[in-house]
Amino acid sequence: MNDVKRKAGQTALLKVEGIGSFEVPTGPNLRESLRKEGVYLDGTCADNGSCGRCVVRILAGEAGQPSSQETQLLTERSSDPESRLACRVSVSGDLEISVDRERILEVDRTGRWKEVWGSPLWRPELITLDQEGFGLAVDVGTTSIAACLMDLSTARPLDIKAAANPQLPWGDEIISRLGSADEDPETARQLSGLVWQTVDEQLRSLCLRSGVSSGRIGSVVVVGNSAMHHLCLGLPLGKLLTPPYDPAQTGSITLAADELPVKMGLPRQAQVYFPPLIGGFAGSDILASTMAAQSLGISPGAVMDVGTNTEIAVFSGGRVYVATAPSGPAFEGGHIPSGMRAVQGAIWKVAVANGRITYEVIGDVPPEGICGSGIVDALSVMLETGAMDTSGLIKEGSHPAVQGGGIILDDKGKVSLHGEDVATVQKAKAAVAATWHILLNKLGLDESDLQAVYLAGAFGSRLDPANAVKIGLLPSIDPGCFVLAGNTALLGAAMILLSGDFRERTEKGSTEVIHINVAEEPDFEEQFLDNLYFP
């Protein structure tokens, strides 16, 4: 290890066991210092110390004393007396720490092929194929980034990769990231650059695995919500941070590859196309999803992508209404101590058999936490067994799994849901339900009029619709009308990539979509309160 010359009091030497040593400025918190050096610790609270995920062990150096709130969270997360939450430690001098590998955000997740291209919405025979060569479809989501390499002349997907969005350390919801970028131009550049670096890594890997030179990629289509779109392109963010939360620009954008913020492995003449945004936080992702769904010709219908930025579109008779629901990250495990994203170790399915709670874990490994679909199942089971009433109150003595004000979901007592977790989910599901009620009312529709509801995204691909209806998250309709549609945004992006005609229809469709800001609707608060309770 080389000695580092440092300015007294202005920088500190940060040693991370098994990773390396870094000279960092004094003042910022430890988690922020680590992420600036490319070490991204798990966390969903934008460094406010409420999620308890960024646990590190202090091996040497002065880290100060933990607050009572931090001590309580640490008691739930670690039995090691040297443990601290990185976001609560101010770097004031040299530190030596260790971090469990499970606390470091994974950089790459290869997507499951069938979960995307096995979707009922993937019907390239319904569009006009008029492109040739190879192209890349990209969905820049709040939580993950997915990219697919396409053979444009045959409409054949060659390979797909998915990665965690590298912006996650700046907050698991979009407002935190927008605020950080708006306050600091360097942070804005960093957030943009990280996304493009990830897309470039995906592009190079996909081409290598498929035997296609990246120099043969002629076009790229990128979709995302309005926040991701603006962060990627370095557009002004102020309007998205203040009511009525309008994007600085909604029209489509086409750039040459060499105009991107990061130099990518693309030929200079390659065209990178960003479809139009709808309005507010409703971006090109829900537009692409809705266009793909409408191509099937089933109406009235809806597309619901429930996540950190929940997007809902309802269409009937050529009319389309779109809104985003202020649901927060609860359905992706955020703001819930046992919550986690849908990755290995997450309980994704919960059921009850002969009064006993059973569960399934992604990767068939010991459970580390519970993801959104598992949370929905768990609440349904709690209602079914009488462990919880319709107000969300967990009832002591109602079930053997109910202990200490919560319900234990796994065999070793590591994963549980408590009253405050239920309240968090209630607020999220009430926001979602209020939003789709308002959209239905705008179109003069009842729930029963819907012929198909396409459930999009990672959450939708694992969701049990019957349980989601039982807790009031989804409309109460014939279960056969729910379609687990997978990554509809990526599918829509691929269809735009394949067809100039479909691209033109998408451009036209964007001008006909009516965007609703539900927060400004006079009945939103009433709808929200009506949907707080469970049915």
Protein backbone atom coordinates (compact mmCIF):
# COMPACT_ATOMS: atom_id res chain seq x y z
CA MET A 1 0.00 0.00 0.00
CA ASN A 2 1.43 3.38 -1.02
CA ASP A 3 1.55 6.22 1.50
CA VAL A 4 -0.76 9.06 0.63
CA LYS A 5 0.17 12.73 1.09
CA ARG A 6 -2.77 14.45 2.66
CA LYS A 7 -3.69 17.93 3.78
CA ALA A 8 -4.01 18.01 7.55
CA GLY A 9 -7.65 17.91 8.63
CA GLN A 10 -9.02 18.15 5.09
CA THR A 11 -8.74 14.52 3.98
CA ALA A 12 -8.69 11.12 5.66
CA LEU A 13 -7.45 7.67 4.72
CA LEU A 14 -10.33 5.23 4.41
CA LYS A 15 -9.31 1.54 4.40
CA VAL A 16 -11.95 -0.98 3.36
CA GLU A 17 -10.93 -4.54 4.20
CA GLY A 18 -10.68 -6.69 1.07
CA ILE A 19 -11.43 -3.77 -1.27
CA GLY A 20 -8.77 -1.09 -0.95
CA SER A 21 -7.75 2.29 0.51
CA PHE A 22 -9.02 5.71 -0.49
CA GLU A 23 -8.11 9.29 0.30
CA VAL A 24 -11.43 11.02 0.97
CA PRO A 25 -12.47 14.51 2.09
CA THR A 26 -13.44 14.91 5.73
CA GLY A 27 -16.98 16.01 6.45
CA PRO A 28 -19.28 13.80 4.33
CA ASN A 29 -20.82 10.69 5.83
CA LEU A 30 -19.10 7.34 5.34
CA ARG A 31 -21.66 5.97 2.88
CA GLU A 32 -21.36 9.07 0.68
CA SER A 33 -17.55 8.85 0.81
CA LEU A 34 -17.65 5.19 -0.23
CA ARG A 35 -20.00 5.72 -3.16
CA LYS A 36 -17.81 8.53 -4.52
CA GLU A 37 -15.06 5.90 -4.67
CA GLY A 38 -17.33 3.40 -6.49
CA VAL A 39 -18.30 1.29 -3.46
CA TYR A 40 -22.10 1.33 -3.30
CA LEU A 41 -23.60 0.24 0.01
CA ASP A 42 -27.19 -0.95 0.18
CA GLY A 43 -29.72 1.57 1.46
CA THR A 44 -33.12 3.01 0.61
CA CYS A 45 -33.47 6.11 2.79
CA ALA A 46 -31.23 8.62 0.95
CA ASP A 47 -28.80 8.66 3.90
CA ASN A 48 -31.31 9.79 6.54
CA GLY A 49 -30.60 6.79 8.80
CA SER A 50 -34.06 5.22 8.74
CA CYS A 51 -33.65 2.01 6.71
CA GLY A 52 -30.76 0.43 8.62
CA ARG A 53 -29.20 -1.30 5.61
CA CYS A 54 -25.75 0.29 5.25
CA VAL A 55 -24.16 -1.66 8.11
CA VAL A 56 -20.34 -1.61 8.36
CA ARG A 57 -17.91 -2.74 11.06
CA ILE A 58 -15.45 -0.16 12.44
CA LEU A 59 -12.04 -1.84 12.81
CA ALA A 60 -9.99 1.24 13.70
CA GLY A 61 -10.46 4.98 13.97
CA GLU A 62 -12.95 7.31 15.61
CA ALA A 63 -16.54 7.00 14.37
CA GLY A 64 -18.38 8.85 17.13
CA GLN A 65 -21.26 7.53 19.20
CA PRO A 66 -24.48 6.19 17.63
CA SER A 67 -27.82 7.87 18.34
CA SER A 68 -30.62 5.96 20.04
CA GLN A 69 -32.39 5.53 16.66
CA GLU A 70 -29.23 4.09 15.10
CA THR A 71 -28.69 1.79 18.08
CA GLN A 72 -32.22 0.43 17.73
CA LEU A 73 -31.77 -0.25 14.01
CA LEU A 74 -28.38 -1.86 14.59
CA THR A 75 -29.85 -4.16 17.22
CA GLU A 76 -32.23 -5.45 14.53
CA ARG A 77 -29.48 -5.81 11.90
CA SER A 78 -26.30 -6.94 13.65
CA SER A 79 -25.11 -8.43 16.93
CA ASP A 80 -21.59 -7.02 16.47
CA PRO A 81 -20.88 -4.18 18.96
CA GLU A 82 -18.52 -2.52 16.45
CA SER A 83 -21.28 -2.20 13.82
CA ARG A 84 -22.41 1.22 12.63
CA LEU A 85 -24.65 2.62 9.92
CA ALA A 86 -22.33 4.16 7.32
CA CYS A 87 -24.72 7.04 6.63
CA ARG A 88 -24.60 8.02 10.33
CA VAL A 89 -20.80 8.11 10.59
CA SER A 90 -19.15 11.44 9.75
CA VAL A 91 -15.66 11.00 8.31
CA SER A 92 -13.50 13.20 10.55
CA GLY A 93 -10.26 11.17 10.45
CA ASP A 94 -8.67 7.93 9.27
CA LEU A 95 -10.95 4.90 9.41
CA GLU A 96 -10.54 1.20 8.78
CA ILE A 97 -13.74 -0.75 8.16
CA SER A 98 -15.06 -4.06 6.89
CA VAL A 99 -18.28 -4.59 4.92
CA ASP A 100 -20.18 -7.83 4.37
CA ARG A 101 -20.43 -8.53 0.65
CA GLU A 102 -24.21 -8.77 0.91
CA ARG A 103 -24.25 -5.08 1.93
CA ILE A 104 -22.64 -3.99 -1.34
CA LEU A 105 -25.08 -3.39 -4.18
CA GLU A 106 -24.67 -5.87 -6.99
CA VAL A 107 -23.54 -4.29 -10.21
CA ASP A 108 -24.94 -6.75 -12.72
CA ARG A 109 -28.03 -8.89 -12.88
CA THR A 110 -28.57 -10.88 -16.06
CA GLY A 111 -32.27 -10.81 -16.89
CA ARG A 112 -34.41 -13.89 -17.28
CA TRP A 113 -35.06 -14.32 -20.97
CA LYS A 114 -38.51 -15.88 -20.74
CA GLU A 115 -39.82 -13.31 -18.29
CA VAL A 116 -39.37 -10.64 -20.97
CA TRP A 117 -39.83 -12.27 -24.34
CA GLY A 118 -42.41 -14.78 -23.12
CA SER A 119 -44.76 -11.85 -22.48
CA PRO A 120 -48.15 -11.91 -24.25
CA LEU A 121 -47.36 -8.36 -25.36
CA TRP A 122 -44.41 -9.51 -27.48
CA ARG A 123 -46.21 -9.75 -30.84
CA PRO A 124 -43.82 -8.37 -33.49
CA GLU A 125 -46.03 -9.90 -36.20
CA LEU A 126 -48.59 -7.18 -35.40
CA ILE A 127 -46.25 -4.34 -36.40
CA THR A 128 -44.57 -3.41 -39.68
CA LEU A 129 -40.93 -4.56 -39.66
CA ASP A 130 -39.04 -2.01 -41.75
CA GLN A 131 -35.55 -1.81 -40.20
CA GLU A 132 -32.34 -3.73 -40.91
CA GLY A 133 -29.08 -4.49 -39.12
CA PHE A 134 -28.73 -4.58 -35.34
CA GLY A 135 -30.01 -2.32 -32.60
CA LEU A 136 -30.22 -1.93 -28.84
CA ALA A 137 -33.40 -1.40 -26.80
CA VAL A 138 -32.84 0.06 -23.31
CA ASP A 139 -35.18 0.57 -20.36
CA VAL A 140 -33.66 2.91 -17.75
CA GLY A 141 -35.74 2.16 -14.68
CA THR A 142 -35.54 3.73 -11.25
CA THR A 143 -34.28 0.46 -9.75
CA SER A 144 -32.70 -1.39 -12.68
CA ILE A 145 -31.49 -0.92 -16.25
CA ALA A 146 -32.30 -3.53 -18.88
CA ALA A 147 -30.86 -3.73 -22.39
CA CYS A 148 -31.58 -6.07 -25.30
CA LEU A 149 -29.60 -6.62 -28.49
CA MET A 150 -31.93 -7.11 -31.48
CA ASP A 151 -31.59 -8.44 -35.00
CA LEU A 152 -33.82 -5.86 -36.65
CA SER A 153 -34.54 -7.65 -39.92
CA THR A 154 -35.86 -10.78 -38.19
CA ALA A 155 -37.25 -9.17 -34.99
CA ARG A 156 -35.17 -11.68 -33.06
CA PRO A 157 -33.85 -10.74 -29.59
CA LEU A 158 -30.25 -11.98 -29.46
CA ASP A 159 -29.47 -11.44 -25.77
CA ILE A 160 -30.53 -9.44 -22.74
CA LYS A 161 -28.80 -8.06 -19.66
CA ALA A 162 -30.11 -6.29 -16.58
CA ALA A 163 -28.21 -4.33 -13.96
CA ALA A 164 -29.02 -2.45 -10.79
CA ASN A 165 -29.37 1.27 -11.52
CA PRO A 166 -26.05 2.70 -10.24
CA GLN A 167 -27.91 5.82 -9.05
CA LEU A 168 -29.48 3.82 -6.18
CA PRO A 169 -27.01 5.08 -3.54
CA TRP A 170 -28.47 8.57 -4.05
CA GLY A 171 -31.91 7.30 -2.99
CA ASP A 172 -34.28 4.55 -4.03
CA GLU A 173 -36.88 7.07 -5.15
CA ILE A 174 -36.58 9.72 -7.81
CA ILE A 175 -37.12 12.89 -5.74
CA SER A 176 -33.94 12.29 -3.71
CA ARG A 177 -31.87 11.87 -6.87
CA LEU A 178 -33.41 14.87 -8.58
CA GLY A 179 -32.76 17.00 -5.49
CA SER A 180 -29.12 15.90 -5.25
CA ALA A 181 -28.52 16.58 -8.94
CA ASP A 182 -30.32 19.92 -8.91
CA GLU A 183 -28.23 21.15 -5.97
CA ASP A 184 -24.85 20.08 -7.35
CA PRO A 185 -23.90 20.12 -11.05
CA GLU A 186 -21.07 17.64 -10.40
CA THR A 187 -23.55 15.16 -8.87
CA ALA A 188 -25.81 15.66 -11.90
CA ARG A 189 -22.93 14.81 -14.24
CA GLN A 190 -22.03 11.80 -12.11
CA LEU A 191 -25.59 10.44 -12.08
CA SER A 192 -25.82 10.80 -15.85
CA GLY A 193 -22.40 9.28 -16.46
CA LEU A 194 -23.08 6.26 -14.26
CA VAL A 195 -26.15 5.30 -16.29
CA TRP A 196 -24.34 5.61 -19.61
CA GLN A 197 -21.35 3.65 -18.31
CA THR A 198 -23.73 0.85 -17.31
CA VAL A 199 -25.47 0.88 -20.70
CA ASP A 200 -22.08 0.84 -22.44
CA GLU A 201 -20.96 -2.16 -20.36
CA GLN A 202 -24.20 -3.94 -21.25
CA LEU A 203 -23.76 -3.11 -24.93
CA ARG A 204 -20.20 -4.44 -25.08
CA SER A 205 -21.11 -7.60 -23.13
CA LEU A 206 -24.17 -8.32 -25.27
CA CYS A 207 -22.20 -7.88 -28.49
CA LEU A 208 -19.35 -10.08 -27.24
CA ARG A 209 -21.71 -12.86 -26.14
CA SER A 210 -23.66 -12.70 -29.40
CA GLY A 211 -20.71 -12.43 -31.76
CA VAL A 212 -21.88 -9.06 -33.10
CA SER A 213 -19.44 -6.17 -33.49
CA SER A 214 -20.66 -3.07 -31.65
CA GLY A 215 -19.67 -1.17 -34.77
CA ARG A 216 -22.67 -2.77 -36.51
CA ILE A 217 -25.19 -1.22 -34.09
CA GLY A 218 -27.04 1.40 -36.11
CA SER A 219 -29.73 2.50 -33.68
CA VAL A 220 -30.55 2.61 -29.96
CA VAL A 221 -33.93 3.32 -28.35
CA VAL A 222 -33.93 4.44 -24.70
CA VAL A 223 -37.08 4.68 -22.58
CA GLY A 224 -37.56 5.74 -18.95
CA ASN A 225 -39.69 7.87 -16.67
CA SER A 226 -39.32 11.64 -16.85
CA ALA A 227 -36.79 11.80 -14.00
CA MET A 228 -34.51 9.12 -15.48
CA HIS A 229 -34.86 10.72 -18.93
CA HIS A 230 -33.81 14.17 -17.65
CA LEU A 231 -30.99 12.82 -15.48
CA CYS A 232 -29.58 10.82 -18.40
CA LEU A 233 -29.65 13.77 -20.78
CA GLY A 234 -28.54 16.46 -18.34
CA LEU A 235 -31.76 18.46 -18.82
CA PRO A 236 -32.88 21.12 -16.29
CA LEU A 237 -34.53 19.49 -13.26
CA GLY A 238 -36.10 22.40 -11.39
CA LYS A 239 -39.59 22.05 -12.91
CA LEU A 240 -39.74 18.35 -11.98
CA LEU A 241 -39.09 19.27 -8.35
CA THR A 242 -41.87 21.85 -7.96
CA PRO A 243 -45.64 21.61 -8.55
CA PRO A 244 -47.09 20.76 -11.03
CA TYR A 245 -43.90 18.71 -11.67
CA ASP A 246 -43.64 19.26 -15.41
CA PRO A 247 -40.65 18.04 -17.46
CA ALA A 248 -38.41 20.68 -19.01
CA GLN A 249 -38.90 18.96 -22.37
CA THR A 250 -41.44 16.36 -23.49
CA GLY A 251 -40.74 15.92 -27.21
CA SER A 252 -38.67 13.12 -28.69
CA ILE A 253 -34.91 13.54 -28.91
CA THR A 254 -32.49 11.96 -31.36
CA LEU A 255 -28.73 12.18 -30.77
CA ALA A 256 -25.73 10.90 -32.63
CA ALA A 257 -23.66 8.45 -30.58
CA ASP A 258 -20.84 10.96 -30.18
CA GLU A 259 -23.25 13.49 -28.61
CA LEU A 260 -23.90 11.27 -25.57
CA PRO A 261 -22.41 12.27 -22.18
CA VAL A 262 -20.19 9.15 -22.19
CA LYS A 263 -18.31 7.77 -25.17
CA MET A 264 -19.82 4.38 -25.95
CA GLY A 265 -18.76 1.49 -28.14
CA LEU A 266 -21.03 2.66 -30.96
CA PRO A 267 -20.19 3.92 -34.44
CA ARG A 268 -20.34 7.72 -34.64
CA GLN A 269 -23.25 7.60 -37.08
CA ALA A 270 -25.42 5.44 -34.78
CA GLN A 271 -28.65 7.20 -33.79
CA VAL A 272 -29.85 7.19 -30.18
CA TYR A 273 -33.58 7.89 -29.96
CA PHE A 274 -35.52 8.97 -26.87
CA PRO A 275 -39.31 8.72 -27.41
CA PRO A 276 -41.58 11.51 -26.15
CA LEU A 277 -42.59 11.89 -22.52
CA ILE A 278 -46.25 12.10 -21.51
CA GLY A 279 -46.07 14.62 -18.68
CA GLY A 280 -45.23 14.89 -15.00
CA PHE A 281 -43.25 11.80 -14.05
CA ALA A 282 -45.05 9.73 -16.70
CA GLY A 283 -42.33 9.15 -19.25
CA SER A 284 -41.56 7.26 -22.41
CA ASP A 285 -41.60 3.96 -20.51
CA ILE A 286 -45.35 4.00 -19.83
CA LEU A 287 -45.93 5.43 -23.33
CA ALA A 288 -44.05 2.51 -24.92
CA SER A 289 -45.85 0.04 -22.64
CA THR A 290 -49.27 1.43 -23.50
CA MET A 291 -48.60 1.44 -27.25
CA ALA A 292 -47.49 -2.21 -27.04
CA ALA A 293 -50.63 -3.12 -25.07
CA GLN A 294 -52.95 -1.29 -27.45
CA SER A 295 -51.45 -3.11 -30.43
CA LEU A 296 -53.26 -6.26 -29.20
CA GLY A 297 -56.61 -4.59 -29.86
CA ILE A 298 -58.19 -5.43 -26.47
CA SER A 299 -60.23 -2.58 -24.96
CA PRO A 300 -61.06 -1.23 -22.41
CA GLY A 301 -57.75 -2.10 -20.79
CA ALA A 302 -55.05 -0.86 -18.48
CA VAL A 303 -51.30 -1.07 -17.94
CA MET A 304 -50.01 -0.92 -14.36
CA ASP A 305 -46.33 -0.77 -13.50
CA VAL A 306 -46.29 -0.76 -9.72
CA GLY A 307 -42.98 0.27 -8.21
CA THR A 308 -41.13 3.22 -6.75
CA ASN A 309 -42.70 5.41 -9.45
CA THR A 310 -46.02 3.64 -10.12
CA GLU A 311 -47.38 4.34 -13.59
CA ILE A 312 -50.93 3.57 -14.68
CA ALA A 313 -52.55 3.91 -18.09
CA VAL A 314 -56.23 3.22 -18.82
CA PHE A 315 -57.48 3.15 -22.41
CA SER A 316 -60.90 2.80 -24.02
CA GLY A 317 -62.33 3.66 -27.42
CA GLY A 318 -59.17 5.38 -28.63
CA ARG A 319 -58.87 7.51 -25.49
CA VAL A 320 -55.90 7.07 -23.14
CA TYR A 321 -55.48 8.54 -19.64
CA VAL A 322 -52.18 8.19 -17.80
CA ALA A 323 -51.09 9.08 -14.28
CA THR A 324 -48.34 8.31 -11.82
CA ALA A 325 -49.10 7.35 -8.24
CA PRO A 326 -47.03 8.69 -5.34
CA SER A 327 -46.56 5.17 -3.95
CA GLY A 328 -42.94 5.32 -2.81
CA PRO A 329 -40.64 2.28 -2.66
CA ALA A 330 -42.75 0.03 -0.39
CA PHE A 331 -43.56 -2.46 -3.16
CA GLU A 332 -39.85 -2.82 -3.89
CA GLY A 333 -39.05 -3.47 -0.22
CA GLY A 334 -38.08 0.12 0.58
CA HIS A 335 -38.69 1.75 3.99
CA ILE A 336 -39.43 -1.69 5.49
CA PRO A 337 -36.68 -3.13 7.75
CA SER A 338 -37.09 -6.69 6.39
CA GLY A 339 -37.76 -5.44 2.85
CA MET A 340 -35.45 -5.95 -0.10
CA ARG A 341 -35.56 -5.98 -3.88
CA ALA A 342 -36.55 -9.09 -5.82
CA VAL A 343 -33.09 -10.68 -5.85
CA GLN A 344 -31.62 -13.88 -4.45
CA GLY A 345 -32.55 -14.36 -0.81
CA ALA A 346 -35.86 -12.49 -1.01
CA ILE A 347 -39.09 -14.17 0.07
CA TRP A 348 -41.27 -13.65 -3.00
CA LYS A 349 -44.25 -15.85 -2.19
CA VAL A 350 -46.14 -16.39 1.08
CA ALA A 351 -49.06 -18.74 1.66
CA VAL A 352 -50.85 -20.53 4.47
CA ALA A 353 -51.42 -24.30 4.72
CA ASN A 354 -53.32 -25.84 7.62
CA GLY A 355 -52.87 -22.62 9.54
CA ARG A 356 -49.09 -22.62 9.07
CA ILE A 357 -47.32 -19.87 7.12
CA THR A 358 -45.18 -21.13 4.22
CA TYR A 359 -42.86 -19.20 1.92
CA GLU A 360 -40.66 -19.45 -1.17
CA VAL A 361 -37.31 -17.69 -1.61
CA ILE A 362 -35.68 -16.49 -4.83
CA GLY A 363 -32.67 -18.71 -5.49
CA ASP A 364 -33.89 -21.36 -3.03
CA VAL A 365 -31.50 -20.08 -0.34
CA PRO A 366 -32.07 -19.08 3.29
CA PRO A 367 -34.23 -15.92 3.40
CA GLU A 368 -32.56 -12.54 3.86
CA GLY A 369 -35.70 -10.41 3.56
CA ILE A 370 -38.96 -10.02 1.66
CA CYS A 371 -39.68 -8.31 -1.67
CA GLY A 372 -42.85 -6.61 -2.91
CA SER A 373 -44.79 -9.63 -4.16
CA GLY A 374 -44.06 -11.43 -0.89
CA ILE A 375 -45.29 -8.42 1.10
CA VAL A 376 -48.59 -8.47 -0.81
CA ASP A 377 -48.95 -12.22 -0.17
CA ALA A 378 -48.07 -11.79 3.51
CA LEU A 379 -50.72 -9.11 4.05
CA SER A 380 -53.29 -11.30 2.31
CA VAL A 381 -52.36 -14.24 4.55
CA MET A 382 -52.58 -12.02 7.63
CA LEU A 383 -56.12 -11.03 6.66
CA GLU A 384 -57.06 -14.62 5.85
CA THR A 385 -55.80 -16.02 9.15
CA GLY A 386 -57.23 -13.19 11.25
CA ALA A 387 -53.74 -12.07 12.31
CA MET A 388 -54.66 -8.59 11.07
CA ASP A 389 -57.97 -6.76 10.79
CA THR A 390 -59.11 -4.58 7.90
CA SER A 391 -57.74 -1.45 9.59
CA GLY A 392 -54.22 -2.92 9.43
CA LEU A 393 -54.01 -3.69 13.16
CA ILE A 394 -51.95 -6.82 13.93
CA LYS A 395 -53.80 -8.73 16.65
CA GLU A 396 -51.75 -10.24 19.45
CA GLY A 397 -52.64 -13.86 20.23
CA SER A 398 -54.42 -14.34 16.91
CA HIS A 399 -51.79 -16.64 15.39
CA PRO A 400 -48.61 -18.36 16.65
CA ALA A 401 -46.52 -16.30 14.20
CA VAL A 402 -47.69 -13.02 15.76
CA GLN A 403 -45.06 -12.00 18.28
CA GLY A 404 -43.98 -8.66 19.72
CA GLY A 405 -46.35 -6.55 17.67
CA GLY A 406 -45.40 -8.18 14.36
CA ILE A 407 -45.71 -11.38 12.39
CA ILE A 408 -42.73 -13.70 11.88
CA LEU A 409 -42.64 -15.03 8.32
CA ASP A 410 -39.64 -17.38 8.23
CA ASP A 411 -38.46 -20.36 10.27
CA LYS A 412 -35.59 -18.55 12.00
CA GLY A 413 -37.35 -15.32 12.86
CA LYS A 414 -35.17 -13.16 10.61
CA VAL A 415 -37.97 -11.79 8.39
CA SER A 416 -41.00 -10.08 9.89
CA LEU A 417 -43.60 -7.40 9.30
CA HIS A 418 -44.70 -5.02 12.04
CA GLY A 419 -47.47 -2.50 12.43
CA GLU A 420 -45.43 0.37 11.02
CA ASP A 421 -44.58 -1.76 7.96
CA VAL A 422 -48.26 -2.47 7.36
CA ALA A 423 -48.99 1.27 7.63
CA THR A 424 -46.29 2.01 5.04
CA VAL A 425 -47.83 -0.46 2.59
CA GLN A 426 -51.34 0.84 3.29
CA LYS A 427 -50.32 4.34 2.24
CA ALA A 428 -48.64 3.01 -0.91
CA LYS A 429 -51.56 0.82 -1.96
CA ALA A 430 -54.06 3.59 -1.17
CA ALA A 431 -52.18 5.95 -3.51
CA VAL A 432 -52.18 3.33 -6.28
CA ALA A 433 -55.87 2.45 -5.82
CA ALA A 434 -56.91 6.11 -5.68
CA THR A 435 -55.06 6.72 -8.94
CA TRP A 436 -56.69 3.96 -10.94
CA HIS A 437 -60.12 4.87 -9.52
CA ILE A 438 -59.65 8.44 -10.75
CA LEU A 439 -58.57 7.28 -14.23
CA LEU A 440 -61.55 4.93 -14.51
CA ASN A 441 -63.88 7.74 -13.52
CA LYS A 442 -62.36 10.02 -16.17
CA LEU A 443 -63.26 7.45 -18.83
CA GLY A 444 -66.67 6.68 -17.34
CA LEU A 445 -65.66 3.09 -16.63
CA ASP A 446 -66.33 0.68 -13.80
CA GLU A 447 -63.72 -1.86 -12.67
CA SER A 448 -65.75 -4.65 -14.28
CA ASP A 449 -65.51 -2.97 -17.71
CA LEU A 450 -61.78 -3.71 -17.97
CA GLN A 451 -61.09 -6.57 -20.38
CA ALA A 452 -57.38 -6.80 -19.60
CA VAL A 453 -55.02 -5.35 -16.99
CA TYR A 454 -51.37 -5.77 -17.98
CA LEU A 455 -49.15 -5.98 -14.89
CA ALA A 456 -45.72 -4.69 -15.85
CA GLY A 457 -42.23 -4.70 -14.38
CA ALA A 458 -40.38 -6.97 -11.97
CA PHE A 459 -43.09 -6.60 -9.33
CA GLY A 460 -45.84 -7.52 -11.77
CA SER A 461 -43.99 -10.57 -13.06
CA ARG A 462 -44.13 -12.28 -9.63
CA LEU A 463 -47.33 -10.82 -8.24
CA ASP A 464 -50.29 -13.04 -7.29
CA PRO A 465 -53.17 -10.91 -8.65
CA ALA A 466 -55.75 -12.59 -6.38
CA ASN A 467 -53.83 -11.50 -3.29
CA ALA A 468 -53.31 -8.01 -4.72
CA VAL A 469 -57.08 -7.72 -5.20
CA LYS A 470 -57.65 -9.04 -1.67
CA ILE A 471 -55.62 -6.20 -0.13
CA GLY A 472 -57.15 -3.58 -2.46
CA LEU A 473 -54.10 -2.88 -4.59
CA LEU A 474 -55.65 -4.00 -7.90
CA PRO A 475 -59.18 -3.61 -9.33
CA SER A 476 -61.64 -6.31 -8.29
CA ILE A 477 -62.19 -7.97 -11.68
CA ASP A 478 -62.20 -11.47 -13.15
CA PRO A 479 -58.76 -12.97 -12.27
CA GLY A 480 -58.44 -14.14 -15.87
CA CYS A 481 -58.25 -10.52 -17.02
CA PHE A 482 -54.92 -9.94 -15.28
CA VAL A 483 -51.91 -10.50 -17.54
CA LEU A 484 -48.39 -10.83 -16.09
CA ALA A 485 -46.74 -8.88 -18.88
CA GLY A 486 -43.10 -8.57 -17.75
CA ASN A 487 -40.93 -5.64 -18.79
CA THR A 488 -43.43 -3.92 -21.07
CA ALA A 489 -41.27 -0.79 -21.32
CA LEU A 490 -38.40 -2.80 -22.82
CA LEU A 491 -40.82 -4.62 -25.14
CA GLY A 492 -42.25 -1.29 -26.30
CA ALA A 493 -38.75 0.09 -26.83
CA ALA A 494 -37.90 -2.99 -28.93
CA MET A 495 -41.01 -2.47 -31.06
CA ILE A 496 -40.04 1.17 -31.67
CA LEU A 497 -36.55 -0.05 -32.59
CA LEU A 498 -37.94 -2.58 -35.10
CA SER A 499 -40.48 -0.41 -36.85
CA GLY A 500 -40.35 3.13 -38.16
CA ASP A 501 -44.11 2.90 -38.59
CA PHE A 502 -44.57 1.96 -34.92
CA ARG A 503 -42.26 4.84 -33.97
CA GLU A 504 -44.44 7.29 -35.89
CA ARG A 505 -47.56 5.86 -34.23
CA THR A 506 -45.90 6.29 -30.84
CA GLU A 507 -45.02 9.91 -31.62
CA LYS A 508 -48.61 10.58 -32.66
CA GLY A 509 -49.98 8.65 -29.69
CA SER A 510 -47.98 10.78 -27.26
CA THR A 511 -49.90 13.87 -28.38
CA GLU A 512 -53.25 12.16 -27.82
CA VAL A 513 -52.59 10.79 -24.34
CA ILE A 514 -54.18 12.81 -21.54
CA HIS A 515 -51.94 13.11 -18.50
CA ILE A 516 -53.64 13.47 -15.13
CA ASN A 517 -51.86 14.94 -12.11
CA VAL A 518 -53.81 13.03 -9.48
CA ALA A 519 -52.53 15.19 -6.63
CA GLU A 520 -54.50 18.08 -8.14
CA GLU A 521 -57.72 16.09 -8.52
CA PRO A 522 -60.39 17.27 -6.04
CA ASP A 523 -61.36 13.70 -5.10
CA PHE A 524 -57.85 12.29 -4.69
CA GLU A 525 -57.68 12.81 -0.93
CA GLU A 526 -61.12 11.23 -0.47
CA GLN A 527 -60.17 8.28 -2.68
CA PHE A 528 -56.87 7.89 -0.82
CA LEU A 529 -58.57 7.80 2.58
CA ASP A 530 -61.26 5.40 1.32
CA ASN A 531 -58.56 2.97 0.19
CA LEU A 532 -56.35 3.04 3.30
CA TYR A 533 -58.30 0.21 4.89
CA PHE A 534 -58.17 -3.28 3.48
CA PRO A 535 -61.34 -4.53 1.76
